[in-house]
């Protein structure tokens, strides 16, 4: 099955995911362990992005 043409590409999906996870970090009801995992995931993606750009 082919994705619809209006589906975001891989780069857009990554940006949307980063944005959503960043928003979650600002919410007080999110447990600290979840915030820690989200922070680590965001940092790994940023490191991977900077590694790809070099």
PDB file of N, CA and C in Angstrom:
ATOM      1  N   UNK A   1       0.850  -1.181   0.000  1.00  0.00           N
ATOM      2  CA  UNK A   1       0.000   0.000   0.000  1.00  0.00           C
ATOM      3  C   UNK A   1       0.892   1.240   0.000  1.00  0.00           C
ATOM      4  N   UNK A   2       0.602   2.158  -0.875  1.00  0.00           N
ATOM      5  CA  UNK A   2       1.379   3.389  -0.974  1.00  0.00           C
ATOM      6  C   UNK A   2       0.815   4.443  -0.021  1.00  0.00           C
ATOM      7  N   UNK A   3       1.712   5.203   0.612  1.00  0.00           N
ATOM      8  CA  UNK A   3       1.221   6.276   1.491  1.00  0.00           C
ATOM      9  C   UNK A   3       0.613   7.407   0.672  1.00  0.00           C
ATOM     10  N   UNK A   4      -0.369   8.093   1.230  1.00  0.00           N
ATOM     11  CA  UNK A   4      -0.950   9.239   0.527  1.00  0.00           C
ATOM     12  C   UNK A   4       0.114  10.303   0.278  1.00  0.00           C
ATOM     13  N   UNK A   5      -0.098  11.070  -0.740  1.00  0.00           N
ATOM     14  CA  UNK A   5       0.886  12.089  -1.104  1.00  0.00           C
ATOM     15  C   UNK A   5       1.022  13.187  -0.057  1.00  0.00           C
ATOM     16  N   UNK A   6       0.036  13.348   0.777  1.00  0.00           N
ATOM     17  CA  UNK A   6       0.114  14.400   1.791  1.00  0.00           C
ATOM     18  C   UNK A   6       0.757  13.913   3.087  1.00  0.00           C
ATOM     19  N   UNK A   7       1.253  12.689   3.105  1.00  0.00           N
ATOM     20  CA  UNK A   7       1.957  12.162   4.271  1.00  0.00           C
ATOM     21  C   UNK A   7       3.285  12.902   4.421  1.00  0.00           C
ATOM     22  N   UNK A   8       3.667  13.236   5.653  1.00  0.00           N
ATOM     23  CA  UNK A   8       4.968  13.887   5.839  1.00  0.00           C
ATOM     24  C   UNK A   8       6.105  12.907   5.547  1.00  0.00           C
ATOM     25  N   UNK A   9       7.205  13.452   5.080  1.00  0.00           N
ATOM     26  CA  UNK A   9       8.383  12.641   4.803  1.00  0.00           C
ATOM     27  C   UNK A   9       9.103  12.292   6.094  1.00  0.00           C
ATOM     28  N   UNK A  10      10.138  11.491   6.023  1.00  0.00           N
ATOM     29  CA  UNK A  10      10.865  11.070   7.228  1.00  0.00           C
ATOM     30  C   UNK A  10      11.416  12.246   8.032  1.00  0.00           C
ATOM     31  N   UNK A  11      11.923  13.248   7.348  1.00  0.00           N
ATOM     32  CA  UNK A  11      12.482  14.409   8.046  1.00  0.00           C
ATOM     33  C   UNK A  11      11.390  15.200   8.765  1.00  0.00           C
ATOM     34  N   UNK A  12      10.249  15.357   8.106  1.00  0.00           N
ATOM     35  CA  UNK A  12       9.120  16.064   8.728  1.00  0.00           C
ATOM     36  C   UNK A  12       8.587  15.286   9.925  1.00  0.00           C
ATOM     37  N   UNK A  13       8.532  13.968   9.806  1.00  0.00           N
ATOM     38  CA  UNK A  13       8.079  13.144  10.931  1.00  0.00           C
ATOM     39  C   UNK A  13       9.002  13.298  12.127  1.00  0.00           C
ATOM     40  N   UNK A  14      10.288  13.317  11.854  1.00  0.00           N
ATOM     41  CA  UNK A  14      11.264  13.469  12.938  1.00  0.00           C
ATOM     42  C   UNK A  14      11.093  14.819  13.641  1.00  0.00           C
ATOM     43  N   UNK A  15      10.894  15.867  12.852  1.00  0.00           N
ATOM     44  CA  UNK A  15      10.694  17.194  13.435  1.00  0.00           C
ATOM     45  C   UNK A  15       9.414  17.247  14.264  1.00  0.00           C
ATOM     46  N   UNK A  16       8.348  16.645  13.761  1.00  0.00           N
ATOM     47  CA  UNK A  16       7.085  16.622  14.498  1.00  0.00           C
ATOM     48  C   UNK A  16       7.231  15.850  15.811  1.00  0.00           C
ATOM     49  N   UNK A  17       7.918  14.736  15.749  1.00  0.00           N
ATOM     50  CA  UNK A  17       8.129  13.933  16.948  1.00  0.00           C
ATOM     51  C   UNK A  17       8.960  14.693  17.979  1.00  0.00           C
ATOM     52  N   UNK A  18      10.017  15.343  17.523  1.00  0.00           N
ATOM     53  CA  UNK A  18      10.843  16.150  18.426  1.00  0.00           C
ATOM     54  C   UNK A  18      10.014  17.252  19.088  1.00  0.00           C
ATOM     55  N   UNK A  19       9.183  17.895  18.283  1.00  0.00           N
ATOM     56  CA  UNK A  19       8.345  18.985  18.800  1.00  0.00           C
ATOM     57  C   UNK A  19       7.365  18.471  19.855  1.00  0.00           C
ATOM     58  N   UNK A  20       6.716  17.339  19.567  1.00  0.00           N
ATOM     59  CA  UNK A  20       5.753  16.764  20.510  1.00  0.00           C
ATOM     60  C   UNK A  20       6.440  16.339  21.809  1.00  0.00           C
ATOM     61  N   UNK A  21       7.604  15.724  21.690  1.00  0.00           N
ATOM     62  CA  UNK A  21       8.317  15.280  22.880  1.00  0.00           C
ATOM     63  C   UNK A  21       8.804  16.473  23.699  1.00  0.00           C
ATOM     64  N   UNK A  22       9.214  17.536  23.032  1.00  0.00           N
ATOM     65  CA  UNK A  22       9.638  18.743  23.743  1.00  0.00           C
ATOM     66  C   UNK A  22       8.473  19.355  24.522  1.00  0.00           C
ATOM     67  N   UNK A  23       7.293  19.341  23.922  1.00  0.00           N
ATOM     68  CA  UNK A  23       6.106  19.861  24.607  1.00  0.00           C
ATOM     69  C   UNK A  23       5.790  19.040  25.852  1.00  0.00           C
ATOM     70  N   UNK A  24       5.970  17.725  25.758  1.00  0.00           N
ATOM     71  CA  UNK A  24       5.695  16.865  26.904  1.00  0.00           C
ATOM     72  C   UNK A  24       6.609  17.188  28.084  1.00  0.00           C
ATOM     73  N   UNK A  25       7.847  17.576  27.801  1.00  0.00           N
ATOM     74  CA  UNK A  25       8.793  17.889  28.867  1.00  0.00           C
ATOM     75  C   UNK A  25       8.340  19.076  29.710  1.00  0.00           C
ATOM     76  N   UNK A  26       7.521  19.947  29.141  1.00  0.00           N
ATOM     77  CA  UNK A  26       7.046  21.133  29.853  1.00  0.00           C
ATOM     78  C   UNK A  26       5.836  20.862  30.733  1.00  0.00           C
ATOM     79  N   UNK A  27       5.248  19.688  30.609  1.00  0.00           N
ATOM     80  CA  UNK A  27       4.035  19.382  31.374  1.00  0.00           C
ATOM     81  C   UNK A  27       4.403  18.817  32.748  1.00  0.00           C
ATOM     82  N   UNK A  28       3.871  19.418  33.806  1.00  0.00           N
ATOM     83  CA  UNK A  28       4.233  18.993  35.161  1.00  0.00           C
ATOM     84  C   UNK A  28       3.725  17.599  35.537  1.00  0.00           C
ATOM     85  N   UNK A  29       2.662  17.111  34.895  1.00  0.00           N
ATOM     86  CA  UNK A  29       2.102  15.820  35.282  1.00  0.00           C
ATOM     87  C   UNK A  29       2.873  14.632  34.706  1.00  0.00           C
ATOM     88  N   UNK A  30       3.848  14.898  33.832  1.00  0.00           N
ATOM     89  CA  UNK A  30       4.659  13.833  33.257  1.00  0.00           C
ATOM     90  C   UNK A  30       5.685  13.386  34.305  1.00  0.00           C
ATOM     91  N   UNK A  31       5.753  12.070  34.585  1.00  0.00           N
ATOM     92  CA  UNK A  31       6.710  11.575  35.589  1.00  0.00           C
ATOM     93  C   UNK A  31       8.160  11.864  35.196  1.00  0.00           C
ATOM     94  N   UNK A  32       9.006  11.998  36.202  1.00  0.00           N
ATOM     95  CA  UNK A  32      10.414  12.324  35.966  1.00  0.00           C
ATOM     96  C   UNK A  32      11.130  11.272  35.129  1.00  0.00           C
ATOM     97  N   UNK A  33      10.802   9.994  35.334  1.00  0.00           N
ATOM     98  CA  UNK A  33      11.488   8.957  34.563  1.00  0.00           C
ATOM     99  C   UNK A  33      11.129   9.048  33.073  1.00  0.00           C
ATOM    100  N   UNK A  34       9.907   9.435  32.780  1.00  0.00           N
ATOM    101  CA  UNK A  34       9.492   9.611  31.383  1.00  0.00           C
ATOM    102  C   UNK A  34      10.197  10.833  30.800  1.00  0.00           C
ATOM    103  N   UNK A  35      10.282  11.906  31.566  1.00  0.00           N
ATOM    104  CA  UNK A  35      10.981  13.103  31.097  1.00  0.00           C
ATOM    105  C   UNK A  35      12.444  12.795  30.829  1.00  0.00           C
ATOM    106  N   UNK A  36      13.048  11.999  31.677  1.00  0.00           N
ATOM    107  CA  UNK A  36      14.442  11.624  31.500  1.00  0.00           C
ATOM    108  C   UNK A  36      14.634  10.844  30.203  1.00  0.00           C
ATOM    109  N   UNK A  37      13.757   9.899  29.952  1.00  0.00           N
ATOM    110  CA  UNK A  37      13.844   9.103  28.724  1.00  0.00           C
ATOM    111  C   UNK A  37      13.634   9.979  27.484  1.00  0.00           C
ATOM    112  N   UNK A  38      12.666  10.886  27.557  1.00  0.00           N
ATOM    113  CA  UNK A  38      12.418  11.789  26.429  1.00  0.00           C
ATOM    114  C   UNK A  38      13.624  12.685  26.169  1.00  0.00           C
ATOM    115  N   UNK A  39      14.224  13.188  27.232  1.00  0.00           N
ATOM    116  CA  UNK A  39      15.393  14.049  27.097  1.00  0.00           C
ATOM    117  C   UNK A  39      16.541  13.291  26.439  1.00  0.00           C
ATOM    118  N   UNK A  40      16.772  12.056  26.885  1.00  0.00           N
ATOM    119  CA  UNK A  40      17.837  11.243  26.292  1.00  0.00           C
ATOM    120  C   UNK A  40      17.572  10.985  24.816  1.00  0.00           C
ATOM    121  N   UNK A  41      16.326  10.680  24.476  1.00  0.00           N
ATOM    122  CA  UNK A  41      15.967  10.402  23.087  1.00  0.00           C
ATOM    123  C   UNK A  41      16.190  11.637  22.218  1.00  0.00           C
ATOM    124  N   UNK A  42      15.781  12.804  22.706  1.00  0.00           N
ATOM    125  CA  UNK A  42      15.974  14.045  21.954  1.00  0.00           C
ATOM    126  C   UNK A  42      17.460  14.335  21.753  1.00  0.00           C
ATOM    127  N   UNK A  43      18.265  14.109  22.795  1.00  0.00           N
ATOM    128  CA  UNK A  43      19.697  14.353  22.697  1.00  0.00           C
ATOM    129  C   UNK A  43      20.348  13.413  21.685  1.00  0.00           C
ATOM    130  N   UNK A  44      19.942  12.144  21.686  1.00  0.00           N
ATOM    131  CA  UNK A  44      20.497  11.181  20.724  1.00  0.00           C
ATOM    132  C   UNK A  44      20.167  11.594  19.298  1.00  0.00           C
ATOM    133  N   UNK A  45      18.932  12.070  19.063  1.00  0.00           N
ATOM    134  CA  UNK A  45      18.551  12.502  17.722  1.00  0.00           C
ATOM    135  C   UNK A  45      19.366  13.716  17.294  1.00  0.00           C
ATOM    136  N   UNK A  46      19.559  14.657  18.221  1.00  0.00           N
ATOM    137  CA  UNK A  46      20.344  15.850  17.892  1.00  0.00           C
ATOM    138  C   UNK A  46      21.786  15.469  17.575  1.00  0.00           C
ATOM    139  N   UNK A  47      22.341  14.551  18.361  1.00  0.00           N
ATOM    140  CA  UNK A  47      23.721  14.099  18.111  1.00  0.00           C
ATOM    141  C   UNK A  47      23.805  13.400  16.765  1.00  0.00           C
ATOM    142  N   UNK A  48      22.805  12.584  16.425  1.00  0.00           N
ATOM    143  CA  UNK A  48      22.793  11.898  15.146  1.00  0.00           C
ATOM    144  C   UNK A  48      22.684  12.912  14.008  1.00  0.00           C
ATOM    145  N   UNK A  49      21.877  13.939  14.209  1.00  0.00           N
ATOM    146  CA  UNK A  49      21.727  14.979  13.180  1.00  0.00           C
ATOM    147  C   UNK A  49      23.036  15.717  12.960  1.00  0.00           C
ATOM    148  N   UNK A  50      23.731  16.081  14.025  1.00  0.00           N
ATOM    149  CA  UNK A  50      24.991  16.795  13.871  1.00  0.00           C
ATOM    150  C   UNK A  50      26.065  15.883  13.302  1.00  0.00           C
ATOM    151  N   UNK A  51      25.997  14.595  13.606  1.00  0.00           N
ATOM    152  CA  UNK A  51      26.939  13.645  13.041  1.00  0.00           C
ATOM    153  C   UNK A  51      26.741  13.460  11.556  1.00  0.00           C
ATOM    154  N   UNK A  52      25.509  13.497  11.093  1.00  0.00           N
ATOM    155  CA  UNK A  52      25.210  13.348   9.675  1.00  0.00           C
ATOM    156  C   UNK A  52      25.614  14.586   8.887  1.00  0.00           C
ATOM    157  N   UNK A  53      25.549  15.744   9.518  1.00  0.00           N
ATOM    158  CA  UNK A  53      25.862  16.994   8.825  1.00  0.00           C
ATOM    159  C   UNK A  53      27.352  17.158   8.611  1.00  0.00           C
ATOM    160  N   UNK A  54      28.175  16.564   9.448  1.00  0.00           N
ATOM    161  CA  UNK A  54      29.641  16.714   9.338  1.00  0.00           C
ATOM    162  C   UNK A  54      30.198  15.994   8.141  1.00  0.00           C
TER     163      UNK A  54
END
